C-alpha atoms as a PDB file:
ATOM      1  CA  MET A   1      16.445 -24.688 -19.411  1.00  0.00           C
ATOM      2  CA  VAL A   2      18.703 -22.409 -18.222  1.00  0.00           C
ATOM      3  CA  LYS A   3      22.324 -21.818 -18.604  1.00  0.00           C
ATOM      4  CA  LEU A   4      23.455 -19.608 -15.712  1.00  0.00           C
ATOM      5  CA  PHE A   5      26.435 -17.959 -14.921  1.00  0.00           C
ATOM      6  CA  ILE A   6      26.531 -17.057 -10.993  1.00  0.00           C
ATOM      7  CA  THR A   7      29.215 -14.394  -8.980  1.00  0.00           C
ATOM      8  CA  GLY A   8      29.302 -15.327  -5.403  1.00  0.00           C
ATOM      9  CA  ALA A   9      27.902 -18.882  -5.387  1.00  0.00           C
ATOM     10  CA  THR A  10      30.174 -20.025  -2.121  1.00  0.00           C
ATOM     11  CA  GLY A  11      28.723 -17.168  -0.037  1.00  0.00           C
ATOM     12  CA  PHE A  12      25.821 -17.588   2.267  1.00  0.00           C
ATOM     13  CA  LEU A  13      23.176 -17.067   0.322  1.00  0.00           C
ATOM     14  CA  GLY A  14      24.594 -18.797  -2.319  1.00  0.00           C
ATOM     15  CA  SER A  15      24.913 -21.507  -0.378  1.00  0.00           C
ATOM     16  CA  GLU A  16      21.400 -21.874   0.498  1.00  0.00           C
ATOM     17  CA  LEU A  17      20.273 -20.924  -3.391  1.00  0.00           C
ATOM     18  CA  ILE A  18      22.483 -23.300  -5.995  1.00  0.00           C
ATOM     19  CA  PRO A  19      20.792 -26.662  -4.252  1.00  0.00           C
ATOM     20  CA  ILE A  20      17.363 -25.666  -4.704  1.00  0.00           C
ATOM     21  CA  ILE A  21      18.018 -23.721  -8.297  1.00  0.00           C
ATOM     22  CA  ALA A  22      20.412 -26.442  -9.938  1.00  0.00           C
ATOM     23  CA  GLY A  23      17.635 -28.445 -11.036  1.00  0.00           C
ATOM     24  CA  GLU A  24      15.839 -26.130 -12.832  1.00  0.00           C
ATOM     25  CA  CYS A  25      18.665 -25.490 -15.156  1.00  0.00           C
ATOM     26  CA  GLU A  26      20.761 -26.959 -17.804  1.00  0.00           C
ATOM     27  CA  SER A  27      23.791 -25.791 -16.723  1.00  0.00           C
ATOM     28  CA  LEU A  28      25.654 -23.530 -13.947  1.00  0.00           C
ATOM     29  CA  TYR A  29      28.747 -21.742 -14.458  1.00  0.00           C
ATOM     30  CA  LEU A  30      30.046 -20.715 -11.192  1.00  0.00           C
ATOM     31  CA  LEU A  31      32.833 -17.709 -10.729  1.00  0.00           C
ATOM     32  CA  VAL A  32      35.124 -18.944  -8.383  1.00  0.00           C
ATOM     33  CA  ARG A  33      38.880 -17.398  -6.796  1.00  0.00           C
ATOM     34  CA  LYS A  34      41.717 -19.949  -7.640  1.00  0.00           C
ATOM     35  CA  LYS A  35      42.234 -20.149  -3.918  1.00  0.00           C
ATOM     36  CA  SER A  36      38.415 -20.993  -3.650  1.00  0.00           C
ATOM     37  CA  LEU A  37      38.028 -23.581  -6.626  1.00  0.00           C
ATOM     38  CA  LEU A  38      38.932 -27.131  -4.127  1.00  0.00           C
ATOM     39  CA  ARG A  39      36.070 -25.854  -1.228  1.00  0.00           C
ATOM     40  CA  ALA A  40      33.400 -24.883  -4.248  1.00  0.00           C
ATOM     41  CA  LYS A  41      33.941 -28.353  -5.704  1.00  0.00           C
ATOM     42  CA  GLN A  42      33.341 -30.181  -2.756  1.00  0.00           C
ATOM     43  CA  LYS A  43      30.239 -27.917  -1.186  1.00  0.00           C
ATOM     44  CA  TYR A  44      28.763 -28.716  -4.639  1.00  0.00           C
ATOM     45  CA  ALA A  45      30.087 -32.565  -5.412  1.00  0.00           C
ATOM     46  CA  ASP A  46      26.881 -33.513  -6.097  1.00  0.00           C
ATOM     47  CA  PHE A  47      25.366 -31.622  -9.205  1.00  0.00           C
ATOM     48  CA  SER A  48      26.194 -32.423 -12.243  1.00  0.00           C
ATOM     49  CA  ASN A  49      25.345 -29.953 -14.636  1.00  0.00           C
ATOM     50  CA  VAL A  50      27.574 -27.302 -11.979  1.00  0.00           C
ATOM     51  CA  LYS A  51      30.704 -26.184 -13.735  1.00  0.00           C
ATOM     52  CA  PHE A  52      33.376 -24.057 -12.027  1.00  0.00           C
ATOM     53  CA  VAL A  53      34.843 -21.188 -13.778  1.00  0.00           C
ATOM     54  CA  VAL A  54      37.779 -19.655 -12.170  1.00  0.00           C
ATOM     55  CA  GLY A  55      37.987 -15.669 -11.813  1.00  0.00           C
ATOM     56  CA  ASP A  56      37.763 -12.903  -9.596  1.00  0.00           C
ATOM     57  CA  LEU A  57      35.190  -9.826  -9.975  1.00  0.00           C
ATOM     58  CA  THR A  58      38.246  -7.432  -9.826  1.00  0.00           C
ATOM     59  CA  ASN A  59      40.043  -8.964 -12.838  1.00  0.00           C
ATOM     60  CA  PRO A  60      38.936  -6.513 -15.648  1.00  0.00           C
ATOM     61  CA  ASP A  61      38.859  -9.818 -17.596  1.00  0.00           C
ATOM     62  CA  LEU A  62      36.900 -11.426 -15.380  1.00  0.00           C
ATOM     63  CA  ILE A  63      37.978 -14.925 -15.818  1.00  0.00           C
ATOM     64  CA  GLU A  64      41.235 -17.036 -16.011  1.00  0.00           C
ATOM     65  CA  GLY A  65      42.041 -18.164 -19.601  1.00  0.00           C
ATOM     66  CA  GLU A  66      40.366 -18.475 -22.784  1.00  0.00           C
ATOM     67  CA  TYR A  67      36.644 -18.362 -22.473  1.00  0.00           C
ATOM     68  CA  ASN A  68      34.716 -17.514 -25.867  1.00  0.00           C
ATOM     69  CA  GLU A  69      32.875 -21.108 -25.733  1.00  0.00           C
ATOM     70  CA  LEU A  70      31.137 -19.648 -22.148  1.00  0.00           C
ATOM     71  CA  LEU A  71      30.073 -16.528 -23.816  1.00  0.00           C
ATOM     72  CA  GLY A  72      27.862 -18.207 -26.355  1.00  0.00           C
ATOM     73  CA  GLU A  73      26.970 -20.517 -23.782  1.00  0.00           C
ATOM     74  CA  VAL A  74      25.256 -18.391 -21.093  1.00  0.00           C
ATOM     75  CA  ASP A  75      21.674 -16.882 -21.405  1.00  0.00           C
ATOM     76  CA  SER A  76      21.155 -15.655 -17.804  1.00  0.00           C
ATOM     77  CA  ILE A  77      23.534 -13.952 -15.198  1.00  0.00           C
ATOM     78  CA  LEU A  78      22.633 -13.712 -11.854  1.00  0.00           C
ATOM     79  CA  HIS A  79      25.699 -11.264  -9.830  1.00  0.00           C
ATOM     80  CA  MET A  80      25.760 -11.582  -6.091  1.00  0.00           C
ATOM     81  CA  GLY A  81      29.506 -11.066  -5.689  1.00  0.00           C
ATOM     82  CA  ALA A  82      30.102  -8.291  -3.288  1.00  0.00           C
ATOM     83  CA  TYR A  83      32.473  -6.644  -0.346  1.00  0.00           C
ATOM     84  CA  TYR A  84      29.817  -6.476   2.803  1.00  0.00           C
ATOM     85  CA  ASP A  85      31.299  -4.708   5.487  1.00  0.00           C
ATOM     86  CA  LEU A  86      29.264  -2.023   7.335  1.00  0.00           C
ATOM     87  CA  GLU A  87      32.810  -0.193   8.847  1.00  0.00           C
ATOM     88  CA  GLY A  88      34.439  -1.146   5.481  1.00  0.00           C
ATOM     89  CA  SER A  89      36.494   1.306   3.817  1.00  0.00           C
ATOM     90  CA  TYR A  90      35.284   3.289   0.608  1.00  0.00           C
ATOM     91  CA  LYS A  91      38.544   1.839  -1.182  1.00  0.00           C
ATOM     92  CA  ASP A  92      37.431  -1.955  -0.364  1.00  0.00           C
ATOM     93  CA  CYS A  93      33.708  -1.119  -1.196  1.00  0.00           C
ATOM     94  CA  PHE A  94      34.811   0.698  -4.263  1.00  0.00           C
ATOM     95  CA  ILE A  95      36.590  -1.900  -5.889  1.00  0.00           C
ATOM     96  CA  GLN A  96      34.414  -5.266  -5.503  1.00  0.00           C
ATOM     97  CA  ASN A  97      31.333  -3.506  -5.697  1.00  0.00           C
ATOM     98  CA  ILE A  98      31.190  -0.836  -7.836  1.00  0.00           C
ATOM     99  CA  GLU A  99      34.383  -2.339 -10.168  1.00  0.00           C
ATOM    100  CA  GLY A 100      33.488  -5.960 -10.127  1.00  0.00           C
ATOM    101  CA  THR A 101      30.079  -4.683 -10.999  1.00  0.00           C
ATOM    102  CA  MET A 102      31.379  -2.854 -14.143  1.00  0.00           C
ATOM    103  CA  ASN A 103      33.362  -5.640 -14.974  1.00  0.00           C
ATOM    104  CA  LEU A 104      30.398  -8.289 -14.581  1.00  0.00           C
ATOM    105  CA  LEU A 105      28.640  -5.957 -16.810  1.00  0.00           C
ATOM    106  CA  PHE A 106      31.438  -5.827 -19.659  1.00  0.00           C
ATOM    107  CA  PHE A 107      31.716  -9.494 -19.281  1.00  0.00           C
ATOM    108  CA  ALA A 108      27.663  -9.412 -20.204  1.00  0.00           C
ATOM    109  CA  SER A 109      27.707  -7.473 -23.047  1.00  0.00           C
ATOM    110  CA  LEU A 110      29.865 -10.117 -24.734  1.00  0.00           C
ATOM    111  CA  CYS A 111      27.499 -12.749 -24.064  1.00  0.00           C
ATOM    112  CA  PRO A 112      25.352 -12.979 -27.387  1.00  0.00           C
ATOM    113  CA  ASN A 113      22.354 -15.077 -26.426  1.00  0.00           C
ATOM    114  CA  LEU A 114      21.783 -13.541 -22.884  1.00  0.00           C
ATOM    115  CA  LYS A 115      18.265 -12.697 -22.200  1.00  0.00           C
ATOM    116  CA  SER A 116      18.135 -11.555 -18.252  1.00  0.00           C
ATOM    117  CA  LEU A 117      20.746 -10.357 -15.790  1.00  0.00           C
ATOM    118  CA  HIS A 118      19.860 -10.744 -12.185  1.00  0.00           C
ATOM    119  CA  TYR A 119      21.566  -8.607  -9.528  1.00  0.00           C
ATOM    120  CA  ILE A 120      21.590  -8.453  -5.575  1.00  0.00           C
ATOM    121  CA  SER A 121      21.253  -5.189  -4.323  1.00  0.00           C
ATOM    122  CA  THR A 122      20.408  -4.277  -1.155  1.00  0.00           C
ATOM    123  CA  VAL A 123      17.675  -2.290   1.083  1.00  0.00           C
ATOM    124  CA  ALA A 124      20.658  -0.532   2.519  1.00  0.00           C
ATOM    125  CA  ILE A 125      20.877   1.342  -0.735  1.00  0.00           C
ATOM    126  CA  SER A 126      17.394   3.403   1.067  1.00  0.00           C
ATOM    127  CA  GLY A 127      20.065   5.481   2.861  1.00  0.00           C
ATOM    128  CA  GLU A 128      18.691   7.664   5.633  1.00  0.00           C
ATOM    129  CA  SER A 129      14.968   7.677   4.099  1.00  0.00           C
ATOM    130  CA  SER A 130      11.923   7.390   6.107  1.00  0.00           C
ATOM    131  CA  GLY A 131       8.386   6.489   5.844  1.00  0.00           C
ATOM    132  CA  GLU A 132       7.647   4.225   2.973  1.00  0.00           C
ATOM    133  CA  PHE A 133      10.475   3.056   0.476  1.00  0.00           C
ATOM    134  CA  LEU A 134       8.997   1.588  -2.726  1.00  0.00           C
ATOM    135  CA  GLU A 135      10.662  -0.432  -4.934  1.00  0.00           C
ATOM    136  CA  ASP A 136      11.181   1.567  -7.687  1.00  0.00           C
ATOM    137  CA  ASP A 137      12.374   3.934  -5.503  1.00  0.00           C
ATOM    138  CA  PHE A 138      16.615   5.055  -6.038  1.00  0.00           C
ATOM    139  CA  ASP A 139      17.227   8.542  -6.395  1.00  0.00           C
ATOM    140  CA  HIS A 140      18.599   9.302  -3.062  1.00  0.00           C
ATOM    141  CA  ARG A 141      22.056   9.021  -3.066  1.00  0.00           C
ATOM    142  CA  GLU A 142      22.655  12.561  -1.266  1.00  0.00           C
ATOM    143  CA  GLU A 143      21.058  10.628   1.625  1.00  0.00           C
ATOM    144  CA  ILE A 144      23.548   7.655   1.830  1.00  0.00           C
ATOM    145  CA  THR A 145      26.521   7.926   4.850  1.00  0.00           C
ATOM    146  CA  ASN A 146      27.141   4.465   4.722  1.00  0.00           C
ATOM    147  CA  GLU A 147      30.520   3.469   2.190  1.00  0.00           C
ATOM    148  CA  TYR A 148      29.220   0.215   1.847  1.00  0.00           C
ATOM    149  CA  SER A 149      25.538   1.235   0.880  1.00  0.00           C
ATOM    150  CA  LYS A 150      27.004   4.015  -1.291  1.00  0.00           C
ATOM    151  CA  THR A 151      28.857   1.573  -3.501  1.00  0.00           C
ATOM    152  CA  LYS A 152      25.700  -0.755  -3.273  1.00  0.00           C
ATOM    153  CA  TRP A 153      23.398   2.520  -4.544  1.00  0.00           C
ATOM    154  CA  GLU A 154      26.389   3.070  -7.186  1.00  0.00           C
ATOM    155  CA  ALA A 155      26.789  -0.883  -8.366  1.00  0.00           C
ATOM    156  CA  GLU A 156      22.805  -0.576  -8.683  1.00  0.00           C
ATOM    157  CA  ARG A 157      22.895   2.487 -10.653  1.00  0.00           C
ATOM    158  CA  LEU A 158      25.064   0.846 -13.232  1.00  0.00           C
ATOM    159  CA  ILE A 159      23.035  -2.026 -13.558  1.00  0.00           C
ATOM    160  CA  ARG A 160      20.053  -0.007 -14.231  1.00  0.00           C
ATOM    161  CA  SER A 161      21.732   2.385 -16.523  1.00  0.00           C
ATOM    162  CA  TRP A 162      23.032  -0.876 -18.348  1.00  0.00           C
ATOM    163  CA  LYS A 163      22.434  -0.657 -22.236  1.00  0.00           C
ATOM    164  CA  SER A 164      20.869  -4.064 -23.437  1.00  0.00           C
ATOM    165  CA  GLU A 165      18.136  -5.911 -24.710  1.00  0.00           C
ATOM    166  CA  ALA A 166      18.429  -8.558 -21.883  1.00  0.00           C
ATOM    167  CA  LYS A 167      15.726  -7.934 -19.318  1.00  0.00           C
ATOM    168  CA  VAL A 168      17.247  -6.690 -15.693  1.00  0.00           C
ATOM    169  CA  ARG A 169      15.924  -7.987 -12.254  1.00  0.00           C
ATOM    170  CA  ILE A 170      16.734  -6.326  -9.186  1.00  0.00           C
ATOM    171  CA  TYR A 171      16.769  -7.981  -5.672  1.00  0.00           C
ATOM    172  CA  ARG A 172      17.344  -5.723  -2.351  1.00  0.00           C
ATOM    173  CA  PRO A 173      17.267  -8.351   0.696  1.00  0.00           C
ATOM    174  CA  GLY A 174      16.823  -7.101   3.849  1.00  0.00           C
ATOM    175  CA  ILE A 175      19.381  -8.293   6.946  1.00  0.00           C
ATOM    176  CA  ILE A 176      20.167 -11.891   5.850  1.00  0.00           C
ATOM    177  CA  ILE A 177      19.666 -13.886   9.076  1.00  0.00           C
ATOM    178  CA  GLY A 178      19.715 -17.613   9.907  1.00  0.00           C
ATOM    179  CA  ASN A 179      17.987 -20.598   8.133  1.00  0.00           C
ATOM    180  CA  SER A 180      14.607 -20.629   9.603  1.00  0.00           C
ATOM    181  CA  LYS A 181      14.087 -24.105   9.857  1.00  0.00           C
ATOM    182  CA  THR A 182      17.724 -25.030  11.559  1.00  0.00           C
ATOM    183  CA  GLY A 183      18.488 -21.523  12.657  1.00  0.00           C
ATOM    184  CA  ASP A 184      22.314 -21.848  10.806  1.00  0.00           C
ATOM    185  CA  PHE A 185      23.836 -18.333  10.150  1.00  0.00           C
ATOM    186  CA  GLU A 186      27.342 -17.556   9.119  1.00  0.00           C
ATOM    187  CA  LYS A 187      28.202 -14.236   9.848  1.00  0.00           C
ATOM    188  CA  VAL A 188      27.269 -11.668  12.650  1.00  0.00           C
ATOM    189  CA  ASP A 189      25.567  -9.024  11.499  1.00  0.00           C
ATOM    190  CA  GLY A 190      22.171  -7.116  11.997  1.00  0.00           C
ATOM    191  CA  PRO A 191      20.336  -8.822  15.131  1.00  0.00           C
ATOM    192  CA  TYR A 192      23.704 -11.092  15.848  1.00  0.00           C
ATOM    193  CA  TYR A 193      25.708  -8.102  16.829  1.00  0.00           C
ATOM    194  CA  PHE A 194      23.533  -7.150  19.855  1.00  0.00           C
ATOM    195  CA  TRP A 195      22.837 -11.097  20.458  1.00  0.00           C
ATOM    196  CA  LYS A 196      26.786 -11.311  20.510  1.00  0.00           C
ATOM    197  CA  THR A 197      26.715  -8.363  22.824  1.00  0.00           C
ATOM    198  CA  LEU A 198      23.892  -9.903  25.431  1.00  0.00           C
ATOM    199  CA  SER A 199      26.368 -13.426  25.313  1.00  0.00           C
ATOM    200  CA  ASN A 200      28.903 -10.945  26.373  1.00  0.00           C
ATOM    201  CA  VAL A 201      27.701  -8.919  28.844  1.00  0.00           C
ATOM    202  CA  LYS A 202      25.348 -11.589  30.483  1.00  0.00           C
ATOM    203  CA  MET A 203      27.595 -11.980  33.349  1.00  0.00           C
ATOM    204  CA  LEU A 204      26.659  -8.288  34.219  1.00  0.00           C
ATOM    205  CA  SER A 205      23.052  -8.979  34.596  1.00  0.00           C
ATOM    206  CA  PRO A 206      22.491  -8.690  38.649  1.00  0.00           C
ATOM    207  CA  LEU A 207      24.075  -5.142  38.004  1.00  0.00           C
ATOM    208  CA  ILE A 208      22.132  -4.130  34.917  1.00  0.00           C
ATOM    209  CA  SER A 209      18.362  -5.492  36.861  1.00  0.00           C
ATOM    210  CA  LYS A 210      19.382  -3.148  39.607  1.00  0.00           C
ATOM    211  CA  LEU A 211      19.903  -0.178  37.347  1.00  0.00           C
ATOM    212  CA  PRO A 212      16.759   1.934  37.315  1.00  0.00           C
ATOM    213  CA  PHE A 213      16.666   1.596  33.576  1.00  0.00           C
ATOM    214  CA  LEU A 214      18.682   1.080  30.046  1.00  0.00           C
ATOM    215  CA  PRO A 215      18.539   3.801  27.757  1.00  0.00           C
ATOM    216  CA  MET A 216      18.820   2.841  24.480  1.00  0.00           C
ATOM    217  CA  PRO A 217      18.336   4.926  21.004  1.00  0.00           C
ATOM    218  CA  ILE A 218      15.200   3.425  19.597  1.00  0.00           C
ATOM    219  CA  ASN A 219      11.951   4.254  17.770  1.00  0.00           C
ATOM    220  CA  PRO A 220       8.423   2.632  19.106  1.00  0.00           C
ATOM    221  CA  HIS A 221       7.479   2.463  15.648  1.00  0.00           C
ATOM    222  CA  ALA A 222      10.761   1.123  13.748  1.00  0.00           C
ATOM    223  CA  THR A 223      11.161  -2.382  12.549  1.00  0.00           C
ATOM    224  CA  LEU A 224      14.168  -4.224  11.050  1.00  0.00           C
ATOM    225  CA  PRO A 225      13.984  -5.237   7.892  1.00  0.00           C
ATOM    226  CA  ILE A 226      14.941  -9.093   7.860  1.00  0.00           C
ATOM    227  CA  ILE A 227      15.144 -12.009   5.926  1.00  0.00           C
ATOM    228  CA  SER A 228      16.017 -15.664   6.709  1.00  0.00           C
ATOM    229  CA  VAL A 229      18.271 -17.101   4.298  1.00  0.00           C
ATOM    230  CA  ASP A 230      16.155 -19.990   2.839  1.00  0.00           C
ATOM    231  CA  ASN A 231      13.234 -17.355   2.134  1.00  0.00           C
ATOM    232  CA  ALA A 232      15.893 -15.322   0.631  1.00  0.00           C
ATOM    233  CA  ALA A 233      16.934 -18.280  -1.852  1.00  0.00           C
ATOM    234  CA  ARG A 234      13.630 -19.396  -2.683  1.00  0.00           C
ATOM    235  CA  LEU A 235      12.475 -15.916  -3.346  1.00  0.00           C
ATOM    236  CA  ILE A 236      15.284 -15.106  -6.132  1.00  0.00           C
ATOM    237  CA  LYS A 237      14.937 -18.256  -7.100  1.00  0.00           C
ATOM    238  CA  ASN A 238      11.398 -18.000  -8.259  1.00  0.00           C
ATOM    239  CA  GLY A 239      12.650 -14.349  -9.968  1.00  0.00           C
ATOM    240  CA  LEU A 240      15.463 -16.124 -11.814  1.00  0.00           C
ATOM    241  CA  LEU A 241      12.199 -18.373 -13.801  1.00  0.00           C
ATOM    242  CA  LEU A 242       9.894 -15.411 -13.665  1.00  0.00           C
ATOM    243  CA  ASP A 243       9.113 -14.479 -17.492  1.00  0.00           C
ATOM    244  CA  ARG A 244       7.542 -11.187 -17.332  1.00  0.00           C
ATOM    245  CA  LYS A 245       7.991  -8.719 -20.495  1.00  0.00           C
ATOM    246  CA  GLU A 246       9.178  -5.765 -18.273  1.00  0.00           C
ATOM    247  CA  LYS A 247      12.761  -4.718 -18.634  1.00  0.00           C
ATOM    248  CA  LEU A 248      13.516  -4.026 -15.500  1.00  0.00           C
ATOM    249  CA  MET A 249      11.633  -5.134 -12.141  1.00  0.00           C
ATOM    250  CA  THR A 250      13.035  -4.529  -8.398  1.00  0.00           C
ATOM    251  CA  PHE A 251      11.870  -6.605  -5.752  1.00  0.00           C
ATOM    252  CA  HIS A 252      12.528  -5.986  -1.638  1.00  0.00           C
ATOM    253  CA  LEU A 253      13.273  -9.340   0.029  1.00  0.00           C
ATOM    254  CA  VAL A 254      11.864  -8.566   3.667  1.00  0.00           C
ATOM    255  CA  GLU A 255       9.951 -10.405   5.299  1.00  0.00           C
ATOM    256  CA  HIS A 256       6.354  -9.372   5.464  1.00  0.00           C
ATOM    257  CA  MET A 257       5.794  -9.244   8.952  1.00  0.00           C
ATOM    258  CA  CYS A 258       9.265  -7.683  10.195  1.00  0.00           C
ATOM    259  CA  PRO A 259      10.106  -7.551  13.871  1.00  0.00           C
ATOM    260  CA  ASN A 260       9.481  -4.218  15.549  1.00  0.00           C
ATOM    261  CA  VAL A 261      12.767  -3.011  16.685  1.00  0.00           C
ATOM    262  CA  LEU A 262      11.361  -2.513  20.578  1.00  0.00           C
ATOM    263  CA  ASP A 263       9.892  -5.617  20.489  1.00  0.00           C
ATOM    264  CA  LEU A 264      12.553  -7.615  19.377  1.00  0.00           C
ATOM    265  CA  VAL A 265      15.254  -6.295  21.997  1.00  0.00           C
ATOM    266  CA  ASN A 266      12.642  -6.992  24.756  1.00  0.00           C
ATOM    267  CA  ASP A 267      12.443 -10.866  23.485  1.00  0.00           C
ATOM    268  CA  SER A 268      16.217 -10.872  23.317  1.00  0.00           C
ATOM    269  CA  LEU A 269      16.442  -9.250  26.635  1.00  0.00           C
ATOM    270  CA  LYS A 270      14.416 -12.257  28.080  1.00  0.00           C
ATOM    271  CA  GLU A 271      15.707 -15.098  25.883  1.00  0.00           C
ATOM    272  CA  PHE A 272      19.061 -14.346  27.173  1.00  0.00           C
ATOM    273  CA  SER A 273      17.895 -13.793  30.993  1.00  0.00           C
ATOM    274  CA  ILE A 274      18.457 -10.088  31.318  1.00  0.00           C
ATOM    275  CA  ASP A 275      16.084  -8.562  33.464  1.00  0.00           C
ATOM    276  CA  ALA A 276      16.358  -4.553  31.977  1.00  0.00           C
ATOM    277  CA  ASN A 277      13.954  -1.944  31.931  1.00  0.00           C
ATOM    278  CA  ILE A 278      14.404  -0.177  28.365  1.00  0.00           C
ATOM    279  CA  LYS A 279      14.441   3.640  27.975  1.00  0.00           C
ATOM    280  CA  LEU A 280      14.154   4.911  24.515  1.00  0.00           C
ATOM    281  CA  MET A 281      15.610   7.813  23.851  1.00  0.00           C
ATOM    282  CA  ASP A 282      16.953   9.877  20.786  1.00  0.00           C
ATOM    283  CA  ASN A 283      20.401   9.299  19.171  1.00  0.00           C
ATOM    284  CA  HIS A 284      23.261  11.099  20.572  1.00  0.00           C
ATOM    285  CA  PRO A 285      27.268  11.346  20.052  1.00  0.00           C
ATOM    286  CA  LEU A 286      27.930   9.278  23.184  1.00  0.00           C
ATOM    287  CA  ILE A 287      25.625   6.503  22.299  1.00  0.00           C
ATOM    288  CA  GLU A 288      27.976   6.264  19.235  1.00  0.00           C
ATOM    289  CA  LYS A 289      30.519   5.605  21.216  1.00  0.00           C
ATOM    290  CA  THR A 290      29.054   3.333  23.541  1.00  0.00           C
ATOM    291  CA  PHE A 291      27.942   0.964  20.290  1.00  0.00           C
ATOM    292  CA  LYS A 292      32.152   1.145  19.854  1.00  0.00           C
ATOM    293  CA  ILE A 293      32.704  -0.133  23.084  1.00  0.00           C
ATOM    294  CA  LEU A 294      30.373  -3.171  23.248  1.00  0.00           C
ATOM    295  CA  GLY A 295      31.427  -4.096  19.387  1.00  0.00           C
ATOM    296  CA  LEU A 296      28.201  -2.422  18.020  1.00  0.00           C
ATOM    297  CA  PRO A 297      28.372  -0.418  14.345  1.00  0.00           C
ATOM    298  CA  LYS A 298      26.931   2.995  14.897  1.00  0.00           C
ATOM    299  CA  GLU A 299      25.266   2.102  11.225  1.00  0.00           C
ATOM    300  CA  ILE A 300      22.912  -0.253  12.685  1.00  0.00           C
ATOM    301  CA  ILE A 301      21.401   3.191  14.980  1.00  0.00           C
ATOM    302  CA  HIS A 302      19.488   3.762  11.705  1.00  0.00           C
ATOM    303  CA  TYR A 303      17.606   0.955  12.059  1.00  0.00           C
ATOM    304  CA  MET A 304      16.707   1.116  15.520  1.00  0.00           C
ATOM    305  CA  ILE A 305      15.279   4.810  15.002  1.00  0.00           C
ATOM    306  CA  THR A 306      13.548   5.449  12.037  1.00  0.00           C
ATOM    307  CA  PRO A 307      10.833   3.944  11.227  1.00  0.00           C
ATOM    308  CA  VAL A 308      10.969   2.734   7.246  1.00  0.00           C
ATOM    309  CA  GLU A 309       8.553   0.555   5.728  1.00  0.00           C
ATOM    310  CA  TYR A 310       9.848  -1.746   2.778  1.00  0.00           C
ATOM    311  CA  SER A 311       6.911  -2.181   0.235  1.00  0.00           C
ATOM    312  CA  VAL A 312       6.909  -5.487  -1.132  1.00  0.00           C
ATOM    313  CA  THR A 313       4.473  -5.099  -4.204  1.00  0.00           C
ATOM    314  CA  ASN A 314       6.391  -7.071  -6.437  1.00  0.00           C
ATOM    315  CA  SER A 315       7.481  -9.799  -4.549  1.00  0.00           C
ATOM    316  CA  LEU A 316       3.957 -10.291  -3.206  1.00  0.00           C
ATOM    317  CA  LYS A 317       2.753 -10.475  -6.584  1.00  0.00           C
ATOM    318  CA  HIS A 318       5.185 -12.141  -8.567  1.00  0.00           C
ATOM    319  CA  LEU A 319       7.693 -13.922  -6.262  1.00  0.00           C
ATOM    320  CA  GLY A 320       5.754 -15.379  -4.050  1.00  0.00           C
ATOM    321  CA  LEU A 321       6.297 -13.801  -0.276  1.00  0.00           C
ATOM    322  CA  ASN A 322       4.413 -15.107   2.057  1.00  0.00           C
ATOM    323  CA  GLU A 323       1.933 -12.354   3.537  1.00  0.00           C
ATOM    324  CA  GLN A 324       1.102 -14.680   6.476  1.00  0.00           C
ATOM    325  CA  ARG A 325       4.657 -15.239   7.300  1.00  0.00           C
ATOM    326  CA  GLY A 326       7.316 -13.376   9.662  1.00  0.00           C
ATOM    327  CA  PHE A 327       9.707 -12.908  11.811  1.00  0.00           C
ATOM    328  CA  ASP A 328       7.631 -14.464  14.702  1.00  0.00           C
ATOM    329  CA  ASN A 329       7.162 -17.808  12.878  1.00  0.00           C
ATOM    330  CA  TYR A 330      10.615 -18.875  13.567  1.00  0.00           C
ATOM    331  CA  LYS A 331      12.276 -16.283  16.176  1.00  0.00           C
ATOM    332  CA  ASP A 332      12.543 -18.912  18.870  1.00  0.00           C
ATOM    333  CA  ILE A 333      15.289 -21.034  16.499  1.00  0.00           C
ATOM    334  CA  ILE A 334      17.110 -18.123  15.352  1.00  0.00           C
ATOM    335  CA  LEU A 335      17.662 -17.200  18.899  1.00  0.00           C
ATOM    336  CA  LYS A 336      18.104 -20.603  20.255  1.00  0.00           C
ATOM    337  CA  LYS A 337      21.093 -21.158  17.487  1.00  0.00           C
ATOM    338  CA  ALA A 338      22.782 -17.524  18.485  1.00  0.00           C
ATOM    339  CA  LYS A 339      22.575 -18.234  21.856  1.00  0.00           C
ATOM    340  CA  LYS A 340      24.646 -21.570  21.109  1.00  0.00           C
ATOM    341  CA  ARG A 341      26.758 -20.113  18.874  1.00  0.00           C
ATOM    342  CA  PHE A 342      27.984 -17.486  21.229  1.00  0.00           C
ATOM    343  CA  GLY A 343      28.163 -20.070  24.134  1.00  0.00           C
ATOM    344  CA  VAL A 344      25.208 -19.236  26.596  1.00  0.00           C
ATOM    345  CA  SER A 345      24.372 -22.383  27.744  1.00  0.00           C
ATOM    346  CA  LYS A 346      21.267 -21.272  29.335  1.00  0.00           C
END
């Protein structure tokens, strides 16, 4: 059985993954900051094979104290720890995403029995690409303008160029949304920015309904690359247990049937009882200013105006991605939970 070392285990994705992977592992070593240790122990108190390692990704030594015995134990590593903020500064993103990955790779190089390294990247490394983006696509650094995406691209480059006998598996999740069964979510991200804004402007609904149209920067062919947190966790679990001889494999973790942006906007307006006639338009500097006023990060405009199809060939073939399952299967659960979270009663 696997002896797995994990970073980022107490985050949203980790909280879904640990309960379903614990039974497949002999030992799980979770890297946690000292200030988060008590919370982590409480979260995973029911799992006897979970062990806690105090440390910090930003520390060159990674782990506090002596850890030679741990090095000989670990045979797989899952690196999920990262700084995620679409509007974050390059400095903050660099420290966590690039330096953190460098420190993790140094630790990995000291593990004599390491068989596999699994890294959680993001589809955001595709930058301003349009059209089909393959799982093996990578060399497009000049097209990335977002600081978070830049540092995740650099971190993936470090993972790809790492010299080791261990197999490398890279997972690129789309925008991770709530649990498909409960709707529970942790952070305002992706479509949740829009839903939060709708909850704030709902009181203006009578005024909006009188407008001849509501201009929005949307390409009618654009889709939103999302995946529910429970589905992402399930696919990563399958990747951790996958026995393949390839040295490097990359997987896009997005629903096989991602929602069309325009359809999602119209469905959301209907759910929030806002009557509006959407008028499609190209991006414009005034749009970014308007988004800022509304509390919407300008970085999400790319997803609204650029049609990108993320190939999921490897995920379908090797991870068990369900080609019959899409956002439509659970959108009502997600929308209703978002409304409740943002204080919309009807």
